[in-house]
N, C-alpha and C. Protein backbone atom coordinates (compact mmCIF):
# COMPACT_ATOMS: atom_id res chain seq x y z
N MET A 1 -5.81 -13.08 6.58
CA MET A 1 -5.21 -12.19 5.76
C MET A 1 -6.06 -10.81 5.70
N SER A 2 -5.41 -9.77 5.42
CA SER A 2 -5.88 -8.43 5.22
C SER A 2 -6.64 -8.44 4.10
N PRO A 3 -7.54 -7.63 4.11
CA PRO A 3 -8.61 -7.19 2.88
C PRO A 3 -7.63 -6.69 1.73
N LEU A 4 -7.92 -7.30 0.51
CA LEU A 4 -7.18 -6.83 -0.74
C LEU A 4 -7.88 -5.40 -1.30
N PHE A 5 -7.05 -4.47 -1.39
CA PHE A 5 -7.82 -3.60 -1.92
C PHE A 5 -7.56 -3.17 -3.41
N LYS A 6 -6.67 -3.79 -3.80
CA LYS A 6 -6.32 -3.58 -5.65
C LYS A 6 -5.33 -4.55 -5.63
N GLU A 7 -5.37 -5.27 -6.99
CA GLU A 7 -4.34 -6.04 -7.43
C GLU A 7 -4.17 -5.54 -9.00
N THR A 8 -2.92 -5.28 -9.25
CA THR A 8 -2.51 -4.83 -10.56
C THR A 8 -1.19 -5.11 -10.77
N SER A 9 -0.78 -5.57 -12.07
CA SER A 9 0.73 -5.69 -12.48
C SER A 9 1.51 -6.71 -11.49
N GLY A 10 0.63 -7.47 -11.07
CA GLY A 10 1.02 -8.65 -10.05
C GLY A 10 1.36 -8.15 -8.38
N PHE A 11 1.12 -6.96 -8.37
CA PHE A 11 1.15 -6.26 -7.06
C PHE A 11 -0.30 -6.25 -6.34
N GLU A 12 -0.12 -6.72 -5.04
CA GLU A 12 -1.49 -6.66 -4.26
C GLU A 12 -1.17 -5.53 -3.20
N PHE A 13 -2.15 -4.81 -2.95
CA PHE A 13 -2.27 -3.71 -2.00
C PHE A 13 -3.37 -3.90 -1.01
N ARG A 14 -2.75 -3.99 0.22
CA ARG A 14 -3.50 -4.51 1.43
C ARG A 14 -3.28 -3.63 2.57
N ILE A 15 -4.02 -3.61 3.55
CA ILE A 15 -3.86 -3.34 5.10
C ILE A 15 -4.32 -4.33 5.94
N PHE A 16 -3.49 -4.22 7.22
CA PHE A 16 -3.93 -4.76 8.25
C PHE A 16 -4.88 -4.23 9.16
N SER A 17 -5.79 -4.86 9.73
CA SER A 17 -6.96 -4.30 10.60
C SER A 17 -6.08 -3.94 11.79
N ASN A 18 -6.53 -2.99 12.42
CA ASN A 18 -5.92 -2.80 14.18
C ASN A 18 -4.51 -2.55 14.27
N GLU A 19 -3.82 -2.28 13.10
CA GLU A 19 -2.57 -2.22 13.02
C GLU A 19 -1.97 -0.77 13.79
N GLU A 20 -2.53 0.34 13.08
CA GLU A 20 -2.06 1.54 13.65
C GLU A 20 -3.34 2.53 12.90
N ASN A 21 -3.07 3.60 13.35
CA ASN A 21 -4.24 4.75 12.85
C ASN A 21 -3.65 5.53 11.70
N ARG A 22 -2.35 5.87 11.45
CA ARG A 22 -1.88 6.55 10.38
C ARG A 22 -1.99 5.83 9.12
N ILE A 23 -2.83 6.32 8.11
CA ILE A 23 -3.03 5.68 6.95
C ILE A 23 -1.83 5.23 6.09
N HIS A 24 -1.74 3.94 5.63
CA HIS A 24 -0.86 3.35 5.07
C HIS A 24 -1.37 2.09 4.20
N ILE A 25 -0.49 1.63 3.37
CA ILE A 25 -0.77 0.40 2.64
C ILE A 25 0.41 -0.42 2.41
N HIS A 26 -0.03 -1.76 2.49
CA HIS A 26 1.30 -2.71 2.35
C HIS A 26 1.00 -3.28 1.06
N ILE A 27 2.33 -3.39 0.28
CA ILE A 27 2.17 -3.91 -0.95
C ILE A 27 3.02 -5.19 -1.12
N PHE A 28 2.34 -6.31 -1.75
CA PHE A 28 3.16 -7.72 -1.83
C PHE A 28 3.30 -8.12 -3.27
N LYS A 29 4.12 -8.98 -3.54
CA LYS A 29 4.24 -9.51 -4.71
C LYS A 29 5.38 -10.73 -4.40
N ALA A 30 4.97 -11.98 -4.66
CA ALA A 30 5.72 -13.33 -4.23
C ALA A 30 6.21 -12.92 -2.88
N GLU A 31 7.32 -13.12 -2.68
CA GLU A 31 7.94 -12.82 -1.31
C GLU A 31 8.46 -11.55 -0.87
N LYS A 32 8.04 -10.66 -1.89
CA LYS A 32 8.45 -9.26 -1.28
C LYS A 32 7.33 -8.45 -0.66
N GLU A 33 7.71 -7.34 0.05
CA GLU A 33 6.73 -6.52 0.81
C GLU A 33 7.47 -5.35 0.87
N ALA A 34 6.33 -4.09 0.75
CA ALA A 34 6.74 -2.89 1.01
C ALA A 34 5.47 -2.17 1.83
N LYS A 35 5.76 -1.04 2.39
CA LYS A 35 4.70 -0.44 3.13
C LYS A 35 4.92 1.11 2.84
N TYR A 36 3.77 1.84 2.44
CA TYR A 36 4.03 3.21 2.23
C TYR A 36 3.08 4.01 2.95
N TRP A 37 3.43 4.99 3.67
CA TRP A 37 2.68 5.78 4.37
C TRP A 37 1.94 6.63 3.13
N LEU A 38 0.38 6.92 3.60
CA LEU A 38 -0.43 7.80 2.58
C LEU A 38 -0.54 9.00 3.12
N GLU A 39 -0.34 9.38 4.36
CA GLU A 39 -0.53 10.79 5.14
C GLU A 39 0.62 11.11 5.86
N PRO A 40 1.06 12.25 6.12
CA PRO A 40 0.71 13.59 5.48
C PRO A 40 1.13 13.45 3.97
N ILE A 41 2.07 12.93 3.75
CA ILE A 41 2.47 12.61 2.45
C ILE A 41 2.83 11.16 2.10
N ILE A 42 2.86 10.96 0.72
CA ILE A 42 3.09 9.45 0.27
C ILE A 42 4.69 9.23 0.59
N GLU A 43 4.96 8.35 1.17
CA GLU A 43 6.41 7.92 1.79
C GLU A 43 6.70 6.61 2.03
N LEU A 44 7.80 6.05 1.54
CA LEU A 44 8.11 4.71 1.77
C LEU A 44 8.54 4.30 3.33
N GLU A 45 7.67 3.46 3.71
CA GLU A 45 8.28 3.21 5.08
C GLU A 45 9.38 2.13 5.37
N TYR A 46 8.89 0.93 4.63
CA TYR A 46 10.14 -0.06 4.38
C TYR A 46 10.00 -0.72 2.99
N ASN A 47 10.89 -1.45 2.77
CA ASN A 47 10.85 -2.27 1.47
C ASN A 47 11.89 -3.64 1.81
N TYR A 48 10.96 -4.78 1.48
CA TYR A 48 11.74 -6.13 1.70
C TYR A 48 11.76 -6.62 0.32
N GLY A 49 12.66 -6.27 -0.67
CA GLY A 49 13.04 -7.05 -1.82
C GLY A 49 12.75 -6.71 -3.15
N PHE A 50 11.96 -5.41 -3.03
CA PHE A 50 11.53 -4.74 -4.27
C PHE A 50 12.73 -4.15 -5.21
N SER A 51 12.80 -4.01 -6.16
CA SER A 51 13.78 -3.44 -6.96
C SER A 51 13.42 -1.90 -7.00
N SER A 52 14.28 -1.13 -7.19
CA SER A 52 14.10 0.40 -7.50
C SER A 52 13.07 0.79 -8.69
N LYS A 53 13.20 -0.24 -9.45
CA LYS A 53 12.11 -0.18 -10.78
C LYS A 53 10.75 -0.50 -10.16
N GLU A 54 10.68 -1.59 -9.43
CA GLU A 54 9.38 -1.89 -8.84
C GLU A 54 8.71 -0.95 -7.89
N LEU A 55 9.67 -0.38 -7.13
CA LEU A 55 9.19 0.44 -6.45
C LEU A 55 8.79 2.01 -6.91
N GLN A 56 9.32 2.36 -8.15
CA GLN A 56 8.65 3.35 -9.00
C GLN A 56 7.45 3.13 -9.59
N LYS A 57 7.17 1.77 -9.98
CA LYS A 57 5.87 1.33 -10.42
C LYS A 57 4.83 1.43 -9.45
N ILE A 58 5.15 0.92 -8.12
CA ILE A 58 4.18 0.83 -6.84
C ILE A 58 3.98 2.19 -6.69
N LEU A 59 4.93 3.22 -6.48
CA LEU A 59 4.45 4.70 -6.40
C LEU A 59 3.55 5.25 -7.35
N GLN A 60 3.63 4.88 -8.58
CA GLN A 60 2.85 5.38 -9.48
C GLN A 60 1.38 5.10 -9.21
N ILE A 61 1.38 3.84 -9.20
CA ILE A 61 0.03 3.14 -8.75
C ILE A 61 -0.64 3.74 -7.53
N ILE A 62 0.16 4.03 -6.59
CA ILE A 62 -0.53 4.58 -5.22
C ILE A 62 -0.67 5.89 -5.65
N ILE A 63 -0.01 6.88 -6.34
CA ILE A 63 -0.35 7.99 -6.72
C ILE A 63 -1.73 8.21 -7.57
N GLN A 64 -1.84 7.01 -8.37
CA GLN A 64 -2.90 7.20 -9.21
C GLN A 64 -4.32 6.82 -8.39
N ASN A 65 -4.09 5.97 -7.48
CA ASN A 65 -5.24 5.67 -6.62
C ASN A 65 -5.35 6.05 -5.21
N GLU A 66 -4.46 7.21 -4.96
CA GLU A 66 -4.45 7.81 -3.55
C GLU A 66 -5.82 7.83 -2.83
N THR A 67 -6.58 8.65 -3.58
CA THR A 67 -7.99 8.97 -3.08
C THR A 67 -8.89 7.65 -2.78
N GLU A 68 -8.69 6.72 -3.50
CA GLU A 68 -9.55 5.42 -3.31
C GLU A 68 -8.88 4.59 -2.36
N PHE A 69 -7.54 4.71 -2.07
CA PHE A 69 -6.82 3.84 -1.11
C PHE A 69 -7.25 4.49 0.38
N LYS A 70 -7.29 5.72 0.52
CA LYS A 70 -7.56 6.48 1.57
C LYS A 70 -9.17 6.24 2.17
N GLN A 71 -9.90 6.41 1.03
CA GLN A 71 -11.51 5.92 1.30
C GLN A 71 -11.49 4.56 1.75
N LYS A 72 -11.09 3.76 1.18
CA LYS A 72 -11.20 2.26 1.46
C LYS A 72 -10.64 2.22 2.93
N TYR A 73 -9.20 2.79 3.18
CA TYR A 73 -8.87 2.63 4.64
C TYR A 73 -9.77 2.95 5.69
N LYS A 74 -10.16 4.04 5.29
CA LYS A 74 -11.23 4.77 6.42
C LYS A 74 -12.36 4.03 6.54
N LYS A 75 -13.03 3.32 5.62
CA LYS A 75 -14.17 2.77 5.63
C LYS A 75 -13.74 1.25 6.21
N HIS A 76 -12.63 0.82 6.05
CA HIS A 76 -12.50 -0.58 6.99
C HIS A 76 -12.02 -0.49 8.16
N ILE A 77 -11.14 0.50 8.39
CA ILE A 77 -10.73 0.90 9.99
C ILE A 77 -11.86 1.53 10.55
N GLY A 78 -12.93 2.37 10.15
CA GLY A 78 -13.95 2.93 10.79
C GLY A 78 -13.90 4.08 11.59
């Protein structure tokens, strides 16, 4: 499994090693999954099962932790 960067409000924020170079993060909760690009802007790549309310909460968490997520991504990928 990919490293867990953050777990909050039941959401798990992870990346997959050697997936691609563009900085992004995967979000999981139960059987749901979404992927957000973090560069050049924060943008939803795909969503499987999250409601619009959950996506708003996820986006809020990403915005609050953007710098930390980018730093952890770069450190992990190398």
